[in-house]
Amino acid sequence: MNERQRLENALLEFIERVVKEPSSEEDVKILPAMAHELIELWKI
């Protein structure tokens, strides 16, 4: 697995975890930024 795939998986796991059961308000605040980064990865 290359670095891009690892980053993509980590972002997806974070987004999925926060959507299902947010652990902090900070997680919810950064969710849009994480989604944006995932979209940028998919553009590459």
PDB file of N, CA and C in Angstrom:
ATOM      1  N   MET A   1       0.855  -1.173   0.000  1.00  0.00           N
ATOM      2  CA  MET A   1       0.000   0.000   0.000  1.00  0.00           C
ATOM      3  C   MET A   1       0.903   1.238   0.000  1.00  0.00           C
ATOM      4  N   ASN A   2       0.609   2.161  -0.890  1.00  0.00           N
ATOM      5  CA  ASN A   2       1.456   3.345  -0.963  1.00  0.00           C
ATOM      6  C   ASN A   2       0.968   4.433  -0.009  1.00  0.00           C
ATOM      7  N   GLU A   3       1.731   5.494   0.086  1.00  0.00           N
ATOM      8  CA  GLU A   3       1.443   6.574   1.040  1.00  0.00           C
ATOM      9  C   GLU A   3       0.087   7.233   0.767  1.00  0.00           C
ATOM     10  N   ARG A   4      -0.241   7.417  -0.492  1.00  0.00           N
ATOM     11  CA  ARG A   4      -1.522   8.037  -0.840  1.00  0.00           C
ATOM     12  C   ARG A   4      -2.695   7.180  -0.352  1.00  0.00           C
ATOM     13  N   GLN A   5      -2.590   5.887  -0.528  1.00  0.00           N
ATOM     14  CA  GLN A   5      -3.653   4.978  -0.080  1.00  0.00           C
ATOM     15  C   GLN A   5      -3.778   4.976   1.439  1.00  0.00           C
ATOM     16  N   ARG A   6      -2.654   5.023   2.135  1.00  0.00           N
ATOM     17  CA  ARG A   6      -2.681   5.067   3.605  1.00  0.00           C
ATOM     18  C   ARG A   6      -3.357   6.346   4.092  1.00  0.00           C
ATOM     19  N   LEU A   7      -3.026   7.470   3.460  1.00  0.00           N
ATOM     20  CA  LEU A   7      -3.630   8.738   3.833  1.00  0.00           C
ATOM     21  C   LEU A   7      -5.128   8.724   3.534  1.00  0.00           C
ATOM     22  N   GLU A   8      -5.499   8.215   2.381  1.00  0.00           N
ATOM     23  CA  GLU A   8      -6.905   8.108   2.014  1.00  0.00           C
ATOM     24  C   GLU A   8      -7.670   7.253   3.026  1.00  0.00           C
ATOM     25  N   ASN A   9      -7.115   6.118   3.377  1.00  0.00           N
ATOM     26  CA  ASN A   9      -7.759   5.236   4.356  1.00  0.00           C
ATOM     27  C   ASN A   9      -7.896   5.914   5.718  1.00  0.00           C
ATOM     28  N   ALA A  10      -6.862   6.619   6.141  1.00  0.00           N
ATOM     29  CA  ALA A  10      -6.909   7.305   7.431  1.00  0.00           C
ATOM     30  C   ALA A  10      -7.982   8.390   7.435  1.00  0.00           C
ATOM     31  N   LEU A  11      -8.063   9.151   6.350  1.00  0.00           N
ATOM     32  CA  LEU A  11      -9.091  10.192   6.253  1.00  0.00           C
ATOM     33  C   LEU A  11     -10.486   9.586   6.255  1.00  0.00           C
ATOM     34  N   LEU A  12     -10.674   8.528   5.486  1.00  0.00           N
ATOM     35  CA  LEU A  12     -11.980   7.875   5.437  1.00  0.00           C
ATOM     36  C   LEU A  12     -12.377   7.318   6.802  1.00  0.00           C
ATOM     37  N   GLU A  13     -11.440   6.696   7.489  1.00  0.00           N
ATOM     38  CA  GLU A  13     -11.726   6.145   8.817  1.00  0.00           C
ATOM     39  C   GLU A  13     -12.082   7.252   9.807  1.00  0.00           C
ATOM     40  N   PHE A  14     -11.354   8.361   9.749  1.00  0.00           N
ATOM     41  CA  PHE A  14     -11.643   9.476  10.645  1.00  0.00           C
ATOM     42  C   PHE A  14     -13.043  10.027  10.377  1.00  0.00           C
ATOM     43  N   ILE A  15     -13.343  10.285   9.116  1.00  0.00           N
ATOM     44  CA  ILE A  15     -14.656  10.836   8.751  1.00  0.00           C
ATOM     45  C   ILE A  15     -15.768   9.895   9.188  1.00  0.00           C
ATOM     46  N   GLU A  16     -15.598   8.623   8.912  1.00  0.00           N
ATOM     47  CA  GLU A  16     -16.615   7.639   9.283  1.00  0.00           C
ATOM     48  C   GLU A  16     -16.823   7.591  10.800  1.00  0.00           C
ATOM     49  N   ARG A  17     -15.737   7.614  11.554  1.00  0.00           N
ATOM     50  CA  ARG A  17     -15.824   7.559  13.020  1.00  0.00           C
ATOM     51  C   ARG A  17     -16.536   8.786  13.565  1.00  0.00           C
ATOM     52  N   VAL A  18     -16.182   9.957  13.060  1.00  0.00           N
ATOM     53  CA  VAL A  18     -16.785  11.195  13.566  1.00  0.00           C
ATOM     54  C   VAL A  18     -18.263  11.276  13.199  1.00  0.00           C
ATOM     55  N   VAL A  19     -18.610  10.830  12.007  1.00  0.00           N
ATOM     56  CA  VAL A  19     -20.015  10.877  11.599  1.00  0.00           C
ATOM     57  C   VAL A  19     -20.846   9.933  12.464  1.00  0.00           C
ATOM     58  N   LYS A  20     -20.304   8.764  12.767  1.00  0.00           N
ATOM     59  CA  LYS A  20     -21.054   7.789  13.560  1.00  0.00           C
ATOM     60  C   LYS A  20     -21.127   8.167  15.031  1.00  0.00           C
ATOM     61  N   GLU A  21     -19.993   8.593  15.583  1.00  0.00           N
ATOM     62  CA  GLU A  21     -19.950   8.875  17.022  1.00  0.00           C
ATOM     63  C   GLU A  21     -18.818   9.860  17.331  1.00  0.00           C
ATOM     64  N   PRO A  22     -19.104  11.150  17.223  1.00  0.00           N
ATOM     65  CA  PRO A  22     -18.055  12.141  17.476  1.00  0.00           C
ATOM     66  C   PRO A  22     -17.558  12.073  18.921  1.00  0.00           C
ATOM     67  N   SER A  23     -16.255  12.127  19.088  1.00  0.00           N
ATOM     68  CA  SER A  23     -15.690  12.045  20.429  1.00  0.00           C
ATOM     69  C   SER A  23     -15.447  13.424  21.028  1.00  0.00           C
ATOM     70  N   SER A  24     -15.376  14.447  20.175  1.00  0.00           N
ATOM     71  CA  SER A  24     -15.173  15.794  20.700  1.00  0.00           C
ATOM     72  C   SER A  24     -15.724  16.822  19.718  1.00  0.00           C
ATOM     73  N   GLU A  25     -15.931  18.001  20.215  1.00  0.00           N
ATOM     74  CA  GLU A  25     -16.406  19.098  19.365  1.00  0.00           C
ATOM     75  C   GLU A  25     -15.342  19.457  18.331  1.00  0.00           C
ATOM     76  N   GLU A  26     -14.084  19.326  18.720  1.00  0.00           N
ATOM     77  CA  GLU A  26     -12.985  19.636  17.802  1.00  0.00           C
ATOM     78  C   GLU A  26     -13.008  18.712  16.584  1.00  0.00           C
ATOM     79  N   ASP A  27     -13.301  17.424  16.799  1.00  0.00           N
ATOM     80  CA  ASP A  27     -13.419  16.487  15.669  1.00  0.00           C
ATOM     81  C   ASP A  27     -14.464  16.966  14.678  1.00  0.00           C
ATOM     82  N   VAL A  28     -15.595  17.415  15.199  1.00  0.00           N
ATOM     83  CA  VAL A  28     -16.682  17.877  14.332  1.00  0.00           C
ATOM     84  C   VAL A  28     -16.261  19.145  13.582  1.00  0.00           C
ATOM     85  N   LYS A  29     -15.526  20.009  14.255  1.00  0.00           N
ATOM     86  CA  LYS A  29     -15.089  21.261  13.622  1.00  0.00           C
ATOM     87  C   LYS A  29     -14.144  21.020  12.451  1.00  0.00           C
ATOM     88  N   ILE A  30     -13.278  20.005  12.564  1.00  0.00           N
ATOM     89  CA  ILE A  30     -12.303  19.775  11.494  1.00  0.00           C
ATOM     90  C   ILE A  30     -12.810  18.810  10.426  1.00  0.00           C
ATOM     91  N   LEU A  31     -13.997  18.275  10.617  1.00  0.00           N
ATOM     92  CA  LEU A  31     -14.556  17.333   9.651  1.00  0.00           C
ATOM     93  C   LEU A  31     -14.616  17.902   8.225  1.00  0.00           C
ATOM     94  N   PRO A  32     -15.100  19.132   8.018  1.00  0.00           N
ATOM     95  CA  PRO A  32     -15.115  19.675   6.651  1.00  0.00           C
ATOM     96  C   PRO A  32     -13.726  19.748   6.019  1.00  0.00           C
ATOM     97  N   ALA A  33     -12.724  20.089   6.804  1.00  0.00           N
ATOM     98  CA  ALA A  33     -11.358  20.168   6.275  1.00  0.00           C
ATOM     99  C   ALA A  33     -10.855  18.783   5.874  1.00  0.00           C
ATOM    100  N   MET A  34     -11.169  17.780   6.666  1.00  0.00           N
ATOM    101  CA  MET A  34     -10.746  16.417   6.337  1.00  0.00           C
ATOM    102  C   MET A  34     -11.449  15.934   5.068  1.00  0.00           C
ATOM    103  N   ALA A  35     -12.724  16.254   4.936  1.00  0.00           N
ATOM    104  CA  ALA A  35     -13.459  15.875   3.723  1.00  0.00           C
ATOM    105  C   ALA A  35     -12.852  16.572   2.508  1.00  0.00           C
ATOM    106  N   HIS A  36     -12.484  17.833   2.659  1.00  0.00           N
ATOM    107  CA  HIS A  36     -11.860  18.570   1.560  1.00  0.00           C
ATOM    108  C   HIS A  36     -10.533  17.918   1.151  1.00  0.00           C
ATOM    109  N   GLU A  37      -9.733  17.534   2.127  1.00  0.00           N
ATOM    110  CA  GLU A  37      -8.454  16.885   1.820  1.00  0.00           C
ATOM    111  C   GLU A  37      -8.666  15.572   1.095  1.00  0.00           C
ATOM    112  N   LEU A  38      -9.676  14.826   1.485  1.00  0.00           N
ATOM    113  CA  LEU A  38      -9.978  13.561   0.816  1.00  0.00           C
ATOM    114  C   LEU A  38     -10.361  13.815  -0.645  1.00  0.00           C
ATOM    115  N   ILE A  39     -11.179  14.814  -0.876  1.00  0.00           N
ATOM    116  CA  ILE A  39     -11.562  15.166  -2.254  1.00  0.00           C
ATOM    117  C   ILE A  39     -10.341  15.555  -3.070  1.00  0.00           C
ATOM    118  N   GLU A  40      -9.439  16.327  -2.474  1.00  0.00           N
ATOM    119  CA  GLU A  40      -8.210  16.713  -3.179  1.00  0.00           C
ATOM    120  C   GLU A  40      -7.371  15.495  -3.533  1.00  0.00           C
ATOM    121  N   LEU A  41      -7.307  14.517  -2.643  1.00  0.00           N
ATOM    122  CA  LEU A  41      -6.560  13.286  -2.941  1.00  0.00           C
ATOM    123  C   LEU A  41      -7.162  12.563  -4.130  1.00  0.00           C
ATOM    124  N   TRP A  42      -8.478  12.540  -4.200  1.00  0.00           N
ATOM    125  CA  TRP A  42      -9.148  11.831  -5.289  1.00  0.00           C
ATOM    126  C   TRP A  42      -8.938  12.517  -6.630  1.00  0.00           C
ATOM    127  N   LYS A  43      -8.616  13.812  -6.615  1.00  0.00           N
ATOM    128  CA  LYS A  43      -8.369  14.545  -7.857  1.00  0.00           C
ATOM    129  C   LYS A  43      -7.032  14.189  -8.481  1.00  0.00           C
ATOM    130  N   ILE A  44      -6.123  13.704  -7.656  1.00  0.00           N
ATOM    131  CA  ILE A  44      -4.748  13.399  -8.136  1.00  0.00           C
ATOM    132  C   ILE A  44      -4.782  12.216  -9.085  1.00  0.00           C
TER     133      ILE A  44
END
